[in-house]
C-alpha atoms as a PDB file:
ATOM      1  CA  MET A   1     -22.535  -0.227  28.416  1.00  0.00           C
ATOM      2  CA  HIS A   2     -25.620  -2.206  27.262  1.00  0.00           C
ATOM      3  CA  HIS A   3     -25.453  -4.245  24.049  1.00  0.00           C
ATOM      4  CA  TYR A   4     -28.009  -2.020  22.291  1.00  0.00           C
ATOM      5  CA  GLN A   5     -25.991   1.076  23.226  1.00  0.00           C
ATOM      6  CA  MET A   6     -22.885  -0.527  22.070  1.00  0.00           C
ATOM      7  CA  LEU A   7     -24.411  -1.295  18.689  1.00  0.00           C
ATOM      8  CA  LYS A   8     -25.619   2.165  18.328  1.00  0.00           C
ATOM      9  CA  LYS A   9     -22.177   3.537  19.109  1.00  0.00           C
ATOM     10  CA  ILE A  10     -20.688   1.147  16.371  1.00  0.00           C
ATOM     11  CA  ASP A  11     -23.287   2.229  13.848  1.00  0.00           C
ATOM     12  CA  SER A  12     -22.680   5.910  14.649  1.00  0.00           C
ATOM     13  CA  THR A  13     -18.958   5.543  14.194  1.00  0.00           C
ATOM     14  CA  LYS A  14     -19.442   3.638  10.892  1.00  0.00           C
ATOM     15  CA  LYS A  15     -21.661   6.470   9.699  1.00  0.00           C
ATOM     16  CA  GLN A  16     -19.152   9.129  10.712  1.00  0.00           C
ATOM     17  CA  MET A  17     -16.335   7.139   8.949  1.00  0.00           C
ATOM     18  CA  ARG A  18     -18.463   6.894   5.652  1.00  0.00           C
ATOM     19  CA  ALA A  19     -19.387  10.664   5.808  1.00  0.00           C
ATOM     20  CA  GLU A  20     -15.655  11.584   6.103  1.00  0.00           C
ATOM     21  CA  VAL A  21     -14.558   9.177   3.329  1.00  0.00           C
ATOM     22  CA  GLU A  22     -17.440  10.573   1.155  1.00  0.00           C
ATOM     23  CA  GLU A  23     -16.394  14.262   1.760  1.00  0.00           C
ATOM     24  CA  ARG A  24     -12.775  13.398   0.737  1.00  0.00           C
ATOM     25  CA  ALA A  25     -13.844  11.345  -2.177  1.00  0.00           C
ATOM     26  CA  ASN A  26     -16.088  14.096  -3.492  1.00  0.00           C
ATOM     27  CA  LYS A  27     -13.142  16.577  -3.404  1.00  0.00           C
ATOM     28  CA  VAL A  28     -11.190  14.188  -5.578  1.00  0.00           C
ATOM     29  CA  VAL A  29     -14.145  13.662  -7.899  1.00  0.00           C
ATOM     30  CA  LYS A  30     -14.823  17.427  -8.272  1.00  0.00           C
ATOM     31  CA  HIS A  31     -11.201  18.442  -8.855  1.00  0.00           C
ATOM     32  CA  ALA A  32     -10.479  20.051 -12.137  1.00  0.00           C
ATOM     33  CA  THR A  33      -7.835  17.595 -13.140  1.00  0.00           C
ATOM     34  CA  THR A  34     -10.008  14.512 -12.332  1.00  0.00           C
ATOM     35  CA  ALA A  35     -11.239  12.617 -15.335  1.00  0.00           C
ATOM     36  CA  LYS A  36     -14.551  10.649 -15.201  1.00  0.00           C
ATOM     37  CA  LYS A  37     -14.525   7.343 -17.140  1.00  0.00           C
ATOM     38  CA  SER A  38     -16.309   4.015 -17.098  1.00  0.00           C
ATOM     39  CA  ILE A  39     -15.242   0.391 -17.668  1.00  0.00           C
ATOM     40  CA  VAL A  40     -15.904   0.792 -21.538  1.00  0.00           C
ATOM     41  CA  ASP A  41     -13.034   3.235 -21.779  1.00  0.00           C
ATOM     42  CA  PHE A  42     -10.711   0.403 -20.926  1.00  0.00           C
ATOM     43  CA  PRO A  43     -11.351  -2.255 -23.495  1.00  0.00           C
ATOM     44  CA  LEU A  44      -8.986  -4.846 -22.235  1.00  0.00           C
ATOM     45  CA  ILE A  45     -10.308  -4.660 -18.733  1.00  0.00           C
ATOM     46  CA  SER A  46     -13.882  -4.638 -20.052  1.00  0.00           C
ATOM     47  CA  SER A  47     -13.390  -7.723 -21.976  1.00  0.00           C
ATOM     48  CA  TYR A  48     -11.799  -9.474 -19.109  1.00  0.00           C
ATOM     49  CA  ILE A  49     -14.511  -8.750 -16.528  1.00  0.00           C
ATOM     50  CA  ILE A  50     -17.340  -9.597 -18.936  1.00  0.00           C
ATOM     51  CA  GLN A  51     -15.658 -12.928 -19.785  1.00  0.00           C
ATOM     52  CA  LYS A  52     -14.873 -13.623 -16.133  1.00  0.00           C
ATOM     53  CA  PHE A  53     -18.142 -12.509 -14.620  1.00  0.00           C
ATOM     54  CA  PRO A  54     -20.750 -12.471 -17.340  1.00  0.00           C
ATOM     55  CA  GLU A  55     -23.696 -12.456 -14.839  1.00  0.00           C
ATOM     56  CA  VAL A  56     -22.449  -9.256 -13.219  1.00  0.00           C
ATOM     57  CA  ASP A  57     -22.763  -5.754 -14.770  1.00  0.00           C
ATOM     58  CA  VAL A  58     -20.557  -3.056 -13.378  1.00  0.00           C
ATOM     59  CA  SER A  59     -20.878  -0.682 -16.274  1.00  0.00           C
ATOM     60  CA  HIS A  60     -22.725   1.866 -14.171  1.00  0.00           C
ATOM     61  CA  ILE A  61     -19.774   2.229 -11.740  1.00  0.00           C
ATOM     62  CA  PRO A  62     -18.122   5.542 -12.422  1.00  0.00           C
ATOM     63  CA  ILE A  63     -14.280   5.568 -12.614  1.00  0.00           C
ATOM     64  CA  TYR A  64     -12.535   8.774 -11.591  1.00  0.00           C
ATOM     65  CA  VAL A  65      -8.755   9.047 -12.678  1.00  0.00           C
ATOM     66  CA  SER A  66      -6.988  11.610 -10.736  1.00  0.00           C
ATOM     67  CA  HIS A  67      -3.472  12.838 -10.120  1.00  0.00           C
ATOM     68  CA  SER A  68      -1.421  11.572  -7.181  1.00  0.00           C
ATOM     69  CA  SER A  69      -1.096  15.012  -5.558  1.00  0.00           C
ATOM     70  CA  VAL A  70      -4.984  15.329  -5.512  1.00  0.00           C
ATOM     71  CA  MET A  71      -5.257  11.849  -3.902  1.00  0.00           C
ATOM     72  CA  ASP A  72      -2.633  12.734  -1.421  1.00  0.00           C
ATOM     73  CA  ARG A  73      -4.256  15.970  -0.387  1.00  0.00           C
ATOM     74  CA  GLN A  74      -7.467  14.158   0.458  1.00  0.00           C
ATOM     75  CA  LYS A  75      -5.634  11.680   2.728  1.00  0.00           C
ATOM     76  CA  PHE A  76      -5.668   8.751   0.190  1.00  0.00           C
ATOM     77  CA  LYS A  77      -1.871   8.608   0.648  1.00  0.00           C
ATOM     78  CA  GLY A  78      -0.443   5.129  -0.143  1.00  0.00           C
ATOM     79  CA  VAL A  79      -3.599   4.126  -1.945  1.00  0.00           C
ATOM     80  CA  GLY A  80      -3.285   3.282  -5.666  1.00  0.00           C
ATOM     81  CA  GLY A  81      -6.980   2.966  -6.123  1.00  0.00           C
ATOM     82  CA  CYS A  82     -10.142   2.250  -4.169  1.00  0.00           C
ATOM     83  CA  PHE A  83     -13.701   1.116  -4.659  1.00  0.00           C
ATOM     84  CA  ILE A  84     -16.020   2.842  -2.272  1.00  0.00           C
ATOM     85  CA  PRO A  85     -19.006   0.601  -1.782  1.00  0.00           C
ATOM     86  CA  HIS A  86     -21.661   2.977  -0.243  1.00  0.00           C
ATOM     87  CA  MET A  87     -20.847   5.589  -3.106  1.00  0.00           C
ATOM     88  CA  GLU A  88     -20.385   2.837  -5.736  1.00  0.00           C
ATOM     89  CA  ILE A  89     -17.450   4.756  -7.247  1.00  0.00           C
ATOM     90  CA  ILE A  90     -13.861   3.941  -7.991  1.00  0.00           C
ATOM     91  CA  LEU A  91     -10.945   6.345  -7.504  1.00  0.00           C
ATOM     92  CA  VAL A  92      -7.558   5.630  -9.163  1.00  0.00           C
ATOM     93  CA  ARG A  93      -4.305   7.340  -9.562  1.00  0.00           C
ATOM     94  CA  SER A  94      -3.279   8.249 -13.096  1.00  0.00           C
ATOM     95  CA  SER A  95       0.274   7.121 -12.134  1.00  0.00           C
ATOM     96  CA  ILE A  96       0.746   4.453  -9.642  1.00  0.00           C
ATOM     97  CA  HIS A  97       3.785   4.651  -7.408  1.00  0.00           C
ATOM     98  CA  CYS A  98       2.460   4.982  -3.764  1.00  0.00           C
ATOM     99  CA  HIS A  99       5.060   6.094  -1.348  1.00  0.00           C
ATOM    100  CA  VAL A 100       4.513   6.865   2.339  1.00  0.00           C
ATOM    101  CA  LYS A 101       7.567   8.427   4.161  1.00  0.00           C
ATOM    102  CA  ALA A 102       9.362   5.767   6.143  1.00  0.00           C
ATOM    103  CA  THR A 103      10.000   6.760   9.911  1.00  0.00           C
ATOM    104  CA  ASN A 104      12.612   4.090  10.688  1.00  0.00           C
ATOM    105  CA  LYS A 105      14.975   1.647   9.007  1.00  0.00           C
ATOM    106  CA  PHE A 106      12.704  -1.250   9.170  1.00  0.00           C
ATOM    107  CA  ASP A 107       9.804   0.615   7.443  1.00  0.00           C
ATOM    108  CA  ARG A 108      12.329   1.900   4.845  1.00  0.00           C
ATOM    109  CA  LEU A 109      13.686  -1.481   4.034  1.00  0.00           C
ATOM    110  CA  MET A 110      10.115  -3.030   3.812  1.00  0.00           C
ATOM    111  CA  GLN A 111       8.999  -0.134   1.499  1.00  0.00           C
ATOM    112  CA  GLU A 112      11.959  -0.818  -0.858  1.00  0.00           C
ATOM    113  CA  ALA A 113      11.049  -4.462  -0.846  1.00  0.00           C
ATOM    114  CA  THR A 114       7.331  -4.053  -1.542  1.00  0.00           C
ATOM    115  CA  ASN A 115       7.048  -0.752  -3.477  1.00  0.00           C
ATOM    116  CA  ALA A 116       6.683  -1.401  -7.162  1.00  0.00           C
ATOM    117  CA  LYS A 117       5.648   0.916  -9.946  1.00  0.00           C
ATOM    118  CA  ILE A 118       2.377  -0.661 -11.286  1.00  0.00           C
ATOM    119  CA  ASP A 119       0.370   0.021 -14.368  1.00  0.00           C
ATOM    120  CA  MET A 120      -2.757   1.846 -13.700  1.00  0.00           C
ATOM    121  CA  GLU A 121      -4.872  -0.754 -15.422  1.00  0.00           C
ATOM    122  CA  ASP A 122      -3.522  -3.430 -13.020  1.00  0.00           C
ATOM    123  CA  VAL A 123      -4.851  -1.493 -10.179  1.00  0.00           C
ATOM    124  CA  LEU A 124      -8.130  -0.709 -12.014  1.00  0.00           C
ATOM    125  CA  VAL A 125      -8.986  -4.276 -12.687  1.00  0.00           C
ATOM    126  CA  HIS A 126      -8.437  -5.058  -8.971  1.00  0.00           C
ATOM    127  CA  GLU A 127     -10.877  -2.309  -7.949  1.00  0.00           C
ATOM    128  CA  LEU A 128     -13.447  -3.361 -10.568  1.00  0.00           C
ATOM    129  CA  ILE A 129     -13.450  -7.034  -9.129  1.00  0.00           C
ATOM    130  CA  HIS A 130     -14.161  -5.417  -5.699  1.00  0.00           C
ATOM    131  CA  ALA A 131     -17.144  -3.732  -7.516  1.00  0.00           C
ATOM    132  CA  VAL A 132     -18.187  -7.068  -9.006  1.00  0.00           C
ATOM    133  CA  SER A 133     -18.205  -8.637  -5.552  1.00  0.00           C
ATOM    134  CA  HIS A 134     -20.334  -5.697  -4.246  1.00  0.00           C
ATOM    135  CA  VAL A 135     -22.814  -5.814  -7.054  1.00  0.00           C
ATOM    136  CA  ALA A 136     -23.090  -9.578  -6.891  1.00  0.00           C
ATOM    137  CA  ASN A 137     -23.628  -9.387  -3.090  1.00  0.00           C
ATOM    138  CA  ARG A 138     -20.894 -12.110  -2.828  1.00  0.00           C
ATOM    139  CA  ASP A 139     -20.843 -14.413   0.196  1.00  0.00           C
ATOM    140  CA  GLY A 140     -17.856 -13.494   2.419  1.00  0.00           C
ATOM    141  CA  ARG A 141     -17.210 -10.159   0.903  1.00  0.00           C
ATOM    142  CA  SER A 142     -17.728  -8.488   4.402  1.00  0.00           C
ATOM    143  CA  PHE A 143     -14.630 -10.386   5.742  1.00  0.00           C
ATOM    144  CA  LYS A 144     -11.725  -8.325   4.535  1.00  0.00           C
ATOM    145  CA  ASN A 145      -9.296 -11.065   4.103  1.00  0.00           C
ATOM    146  CA  ASN A 146     -11.734 -13.313   2.257  1.00  0.00           C
ATOM    147  CA  GLU A 147     -12.669 -10.428   0.045  1.00  0.00           C
ATOM    148  CA  GLU A 148      -8.982  -9.474  -0.777  1.00  0.00           C
ATOM    149  CA  GLU A 149      -8.002 -13.077  -1.525  1.00  0.00           C
ATOM    150  CA  PHE A 150     -11.006 -13.317  -4.010  1.00  0.00           C
ATOM    151  CA  VAL A 151      -9.998 -10.092  -5.689  1.00  0.00           C
ATOM    152  CA  TYR A 152      -6.320 -10.660  -5.847  1.00  0.00           C
ATOM    153  CA  THR A 153      -6.439 -14.126  -7.257  1.00  0.00           C
ATOM    154  CA  ASN A 154      -9.244 -13.290  -9.802  1.00  0.00           C
ATOM    155  CA  CYS A 155      -6.775 -10.614 -11.183  1.00  0.00           C
ATOM    156  CA  VAL A 156      -4.233 -13.451 -12.071  1.00  0.00           C
ATOM    157  CA  ASP A 157      -5.513 -14.302 -15.511  1.00  0.00           C
ATOM    158  CA  PHE A 158      -5.645 -10.573 -16.559  1.00  0.00           C
ATOM    159  CA  TYR A 159      -2.044 -10.225 -15.628  1.00  0.00           C
ATOM    160  CA  ARG A 160      -1.205 -13.386 -17.519  1.00  0.00           C
ATOM    161  CA  GLN A 161      -2.890 -12.067 -20.561  1.00  0.00           C
ATOM    162  CA  LYS A 162      -0.365  -9.167 -20.410  1.00  0.00           C
ATOM    163  CA  GLY A 163       2.490 -11.728 -20.211  1.00  0.00           C
ATOM    164  CA  ILE A 164       3.234 -11.209 -16.631  1.00  0.00           C
ATOM    165  CA  SER A 165       5.030 -14.079 -15.009  1.00  0.00           C
ATOM    166  CA  ASN A 166       3.866 -15.639 -11.541  1.00  0.00           C
ATOM    167  CA  GLU A 167       7.084 -14.086  -9.987  1.00  0.00           C
ATOM    168  CA  ARG A 168       6.138 -10.548 -11.171  1.00  0.00           C
ATOM    169  CA  ILE A 169       2.525 -11.022 -10.205  1.00  0.00           C
ATOM    170  CA  VAL A 170       3.552 -11.821  -6.709  1.00  0.00           C
ATOM    171  CA  GLU A 171       6.276  -9.253  -6.312  1.00  0.00           C
ATOM    172  CA  ASP A 172       4.417  -6.246  -8.002  1.00  0.00           C
ATOM    173  CA  ASN A 173       0.841  -7.069  -7.014  1.00  0.00           C
ATOM    174  CA  PHE A 174       0.382  -9.557  -4.162  1.00  0.00           C
ATOM    175  CA  LEU A 175       3.393  -8.716  -1.858  1.00  0.00           C
ATOM    176  CA  PRO A 176       1.828  -5.917   0.162  1.00  0.00           C
ATOM    177  CA  PHE A 177      -1.241  -7.962   0.958  1.00  0.00           C
ATOM    178  CA  CYS A 178       0.785 -11.052   1.863  1.00  0.00           C
ATOM    179  CA  VAL A 179       3.230  -9.153   3.984  1.00  0.00           C
ATOM    180  CA  GLU A 180       0.166  -7.976   6.065  1.00  0.00           C
ATOM    181  CA  ASN A 181      -0.983 -11.589   6.371  1.00  0.00           C
ATOM    182  CA  VAL A 182       2.468 -12.502   7.669  1.00  0.00           C
ATOM    183  CA  TYR A 183       2.268  -9.612  10.159  1.00  0.00           C
ATOM    184  CA  ALA A 184      -1.107 -10.866  11.317  1.00  0.00           C
ATOM    185  CA  ASP A 185       0.210 -14.379  12.011  1.00  0.00           C
ATOM    186  CA  THR A 186       1.394 -14.050  15.682  1.00  0.00           C
ATOM    187  CA  SER A 187       3.009 -17.443  15.880  1.00  0.00           C
ATOM    188  CA  LEU A 188       4.867 -16.991  12.511  1.00  0.00           C
ATOM    189  CA  MET A 189       6.078 -13.463  13.501  1.00  0.00           C
ATOM    190  CA  ARG A 190       7.198 -14.876  16.881  1.00  0.00           C
ATOM    191  CA  SER A 191       9.281 -17.500  15.161  1.00  0.00           C
ATOM    192  CA  VAL A 192      10.801 -14.789  12.766  1.00  0.00           C
ATOM    193  CA  TYR A 193      11.694 -12.658  15.879  1.00  0.00           C
ATOM    194  CA  TYR A 194      13.320 -15.531  17.450  1.00  0.00           C
ATOM    195  CA  ARG A 195      15.403 -16.427  14.412  1.00  0.00           C
ATOM    196  CA  CYS A 196      16.520 -12.761  14.243  1.00  0.00           C
ATOM    197  CA  GLY A 197      17.631 -12.487  17.764  1.00  0.00           C
ATOM    198  CA  ILE A 198      14.492 -10.508  19.101  1.00  0.00           C
ATOM    199  CA  VAL A 199      13.301 -11.956  22.318  1.00  0.00           C
ATOM    200  CA  GLY A 200      11.120 -10.653  25.086  1.00  0.00           C
ATOM    201  CA  ALA A 201       9.386  -8.263  22.795  1.00  0.00           C
ATOM    202  CA  GLU A 202       6.039  -8.636  24.562  1.00  0.00           C
ATOM    203  CA  GLY A 203       7.110  -6.551  27.458  1.00  0.00           C
ATOM    204  CA  CYS A 204       8.588  -3.769  25.466  1.00  0.00           C
ATOM    205  CA  SER A 205       7.233  -0.376  24.794  1.00  0.00           C
ATOM    206  CA  VAL A 206       6.325   0.563  21.324  1.00  0.00           C
ATOM    207  CA  THR A 207       9.323   2.949  21.187  1.00  0.00           C
ATOM    208  CA  ASP A 208      11.683   0.184  22.322  1.00  0.00           C
ATOM    209  CA  PHE A 209      10.088  -2.437  20.180  1.00  0.00           C
ATOM    210  CA  ASN A 210      10.433  -0.210  17.109  1.00  0.00           C
ATOM    211  CA  LYS A 211      14.193   0.354  17.998  1.00  0.00           C
ATOM    212  CA  MET A 212      14.648  -3.445  18.042  1.00  0.00           C
ATOM    213  CA  LEU A 213      12.905  -3.843  14.603  1.00  0.00           C
ATOM    214  CA  SER A 214      15.219  -1.272  13.127  1.00  0.00           C
ATOM    215  CA  LYS A 215      18.301  -2.787  14.777  1.00  0.00           C
ATOM    216  CA  ARG A 216      17.480  -6.182  13.192  1.00  0.00           C
ATOM    217  CA  ALA A 217      15.725  -4.847  10.085  1.00  0.00           C
ATOM    218  CA  SER A 218      18.275  -6.194   7.588  1.00  0.00           C
ATOM    219  CA  HIS A 219      17.667  -9.666   8.986  1.00  0.00           C
ATOM    220  CA  LEU A 220      13.927  -9.321   9.583  1.00  0.00           C
ATOM    221  CA  VAL A 221      12.763  -7.833   6.187  1.00  0.00           C
ATOM    222  CA  PRO A 222      14.132 -10.561   3.983  1.00  0.00           C
ATOM    223  CA  GLN A 223      12.744 -13.288   6.097  1.00  0.00           C
ATOM    224  CA  ILE A 224       9.301 -11.565   6.214  1.00  0.00           C
ATOM    225  CA  VAL A 225       9.291 -10.922   2.416  1.00  0.00           C
ATOM    226  CA  LEU A 226      10.261 -14.606   1.706  1.00  0.00           C
ATOM    227  CA  LEU A 227       7.379 -15.796   3.699  1.00  0.00           C
ATOM    228  CA  ALA A 228       4.984 -13.381   1.981  1.00  0.00           C
ATOM    229  CA  LYS A 229       6.121 -14.456  -1.384  1.00  0.00           C
ATOM    230  CA  ASN A 230       5.697 -18.122  -0.602  1.00  0.00           C
ATOM    231  CA  MET A 231       2.148 -17.167   0.572  1.00  0.00           C
ATOM    232  CA  GLY A 232       1.552 -15.255  -2.667  1.00  0.00           C
ATOM    233  CA  PHE A 233       2.635 -18.272  -4.763  1.00  0.00           C
ATOM    234  CA  GLN A 234       0.363 -20.514  -2.716  1.00  0.00           C
ATOM    235  CA  MET A 235      -2.585 -18.223  -3.492  1.00  0.00           C
ATOM    236  CA  ILE A 236      -1.897 -18.500  -7.108  1.00  0.00           C
ATOM    237  CA  GLU A 237      -1.617 -22.347  -6.853  1.00  0.00           C
ATOM    238  CA  LEU A 238      -4.939 -22.665  -4.861  1.00  0.00           C
ATOM    239  CA  TYR A 239      -6.726 -20.303  -7.420  1.00  0.00           C
ATOM    240  CA  GLU A 240      -5.501 -22.478 -10.252  1.00  0.00           C
ATOM    241  CA  LYS A 241      -6.747 -25.546  -8.634  1.00  0.00           C
ATOM    242  CA  TYR A 242     -10.082 -24.472  -7.018  1.00  0.00           C
ATOM    243  CA  GLY A 243     -10.763 -20.819  -7.720  1.00  0.00           C
ATOM    244  CA  ARG A 244     -11.459 -20.464 -11.477  1.00  0.00           C
ATOM    245  CA  GLY A 245     -15.053 -20.293 -12.344  1.00  0.00           C
ATOM    246  CA  VAL A 246     -16.208 -19.638  -8.827  1.00  0.00           C
ATOM    247  CA  VAL A 247     -19.920 -18.925  -8.597  1.00  0.00           C
ATOM    248  CA  LEU A 248     -20.876 -15.596  -7.126  1.00  0.00           C
ATOM    249  CA  VAL A 249     -23.492 -16.440  -4.391  1.00  0.00           C
ATOM    250  CA  ALA A 250     -25.539 -13.718  -2.809  1.00  0.00           C
ATOM    251  CA  ASP A 251     -26.211 -13.412   0.816  1.00  0.00           C
ATOM    252  CA  GLU A 252     -28.236 -10.876   2.934  1.00  0.00           C
ATOM    253  CA  ALA A 253     -25.311  -9.608   5.145  1.00  0.00           C
ATOM    254  CA  ASP A 254     -24.426  -6.000   4.759  1.00  0.00           C
ATOM    255  CA  ALA A 255     -20.762  -5.418   3.447  1.00  0.00           C
ATOM    256  CA  THR A 256     -18.637  -3.304   5.725  1.00  0.00           C
ATOM    257  CA  GLN A 257     -19.139   0.056   3.997  1.00  0.00           C
ATOM    258  CA  ILE A 258     -15.583   1.337   4.156  1.00  0.00           C
ATOM    259  CA  PRO A 259     -13.267   1.594   1.062  1.00  0.00           C
ATOM    260  CA  THR A 260     -11.491  -1.658   0.075  1.00  0.00           C
ATOM    261  CA  THR A 261      -8.224  -0.482  -1.347  1.00  0.00           C
ATOM    262  CA  ARG A 262      -5.365  -1.823  -3.428  1.00  0.00           C
ATOM    263  CA  PHE A 263      -2.837  -0.865  -0.885  1.00  0.00           C
ATOM    264  CA  SER A 264      -5.089  -1.370   2.205  1.00  0.00           C
ATOM    265  CA  CYS A 265      -2.903  -3.974   3.818  1.00  0.00           C
ATOM    266  CA  LEU A 266      -0.177  -1.349   4.399  1.00  0.00           C
ATOM    267  CA  ASN A 267      -2.022   1.917   4.632  1.00  0.00           C
ATOM    268  CA  PHE A 268      -5.616   1.312   5.592  1.00  0.00           C
ATOM    269  CA  GLU A 269      -5.280   3.719   8.511  1.00  0.00           C
ATOM    270  CA  ASP A 270      -4.876   6.575   6.081  1.00  0.00           C
ATOM    271  CA  MET A 271      -8.387   5.930   4.907  1.00  0.00           C
ATOM    272  CA  GLU A 272      -9.864   6.319   8.352  1.00  0.00           C
ATOM    273  CA  GLU A 273      -8.193   9.366   9.752  1.00  0.00           C
END
């Protein structure tokens, strides 16, 4: 396949994904129980965003608050809220307690470790900072990890205003993202597997590998969660040293126009089905 043809295929796939997400999002927006709001309806968040990013106006971004069952029916399962860049809208659940059915012991224990009941405003401030990044055309926003670190850490001071400790910030807000980062670090995970008695996993089938994970789940999950928590505390430390007052710099690169989600690290595939 020629390079031009490959680019055309990628572009076509992106367009199809956007169209599918837009169709599902519009069904949430138009549902009878969905309420349309804006940032001014949330004074605490509005004050925080204006103070934090005075050069960026996101007051035009509509916020649609919908029931969990409505979000689930439109395949936004496991998603507490999401900012959809090409539509410039935010969808958020009225009650945040995302739960996706676990299929094995490892997934169940990991869900128990990372599933927290979170205040809707804590999710909304996260999605609004995604909107800030988008409107400001921020450098690096097209790189998922860069974008998420920017957003997660810039929520810290909002959580602090509510009296939330660093421990709770990490456990209730950062943990799913940090667990995904641990998963993504091949050498780190290899050392975890080794310490838990899993060897030779590279040659296993997916079924056999999942069986091994479930068999050693009670050892694996605590180690992964500990590494993820340490990563979360490091994110806060680096933000406090270098991240406050960051200048939003525009670039000319197009952002990846698919939803950036609060729980994308664990359930992003649900947004792309």
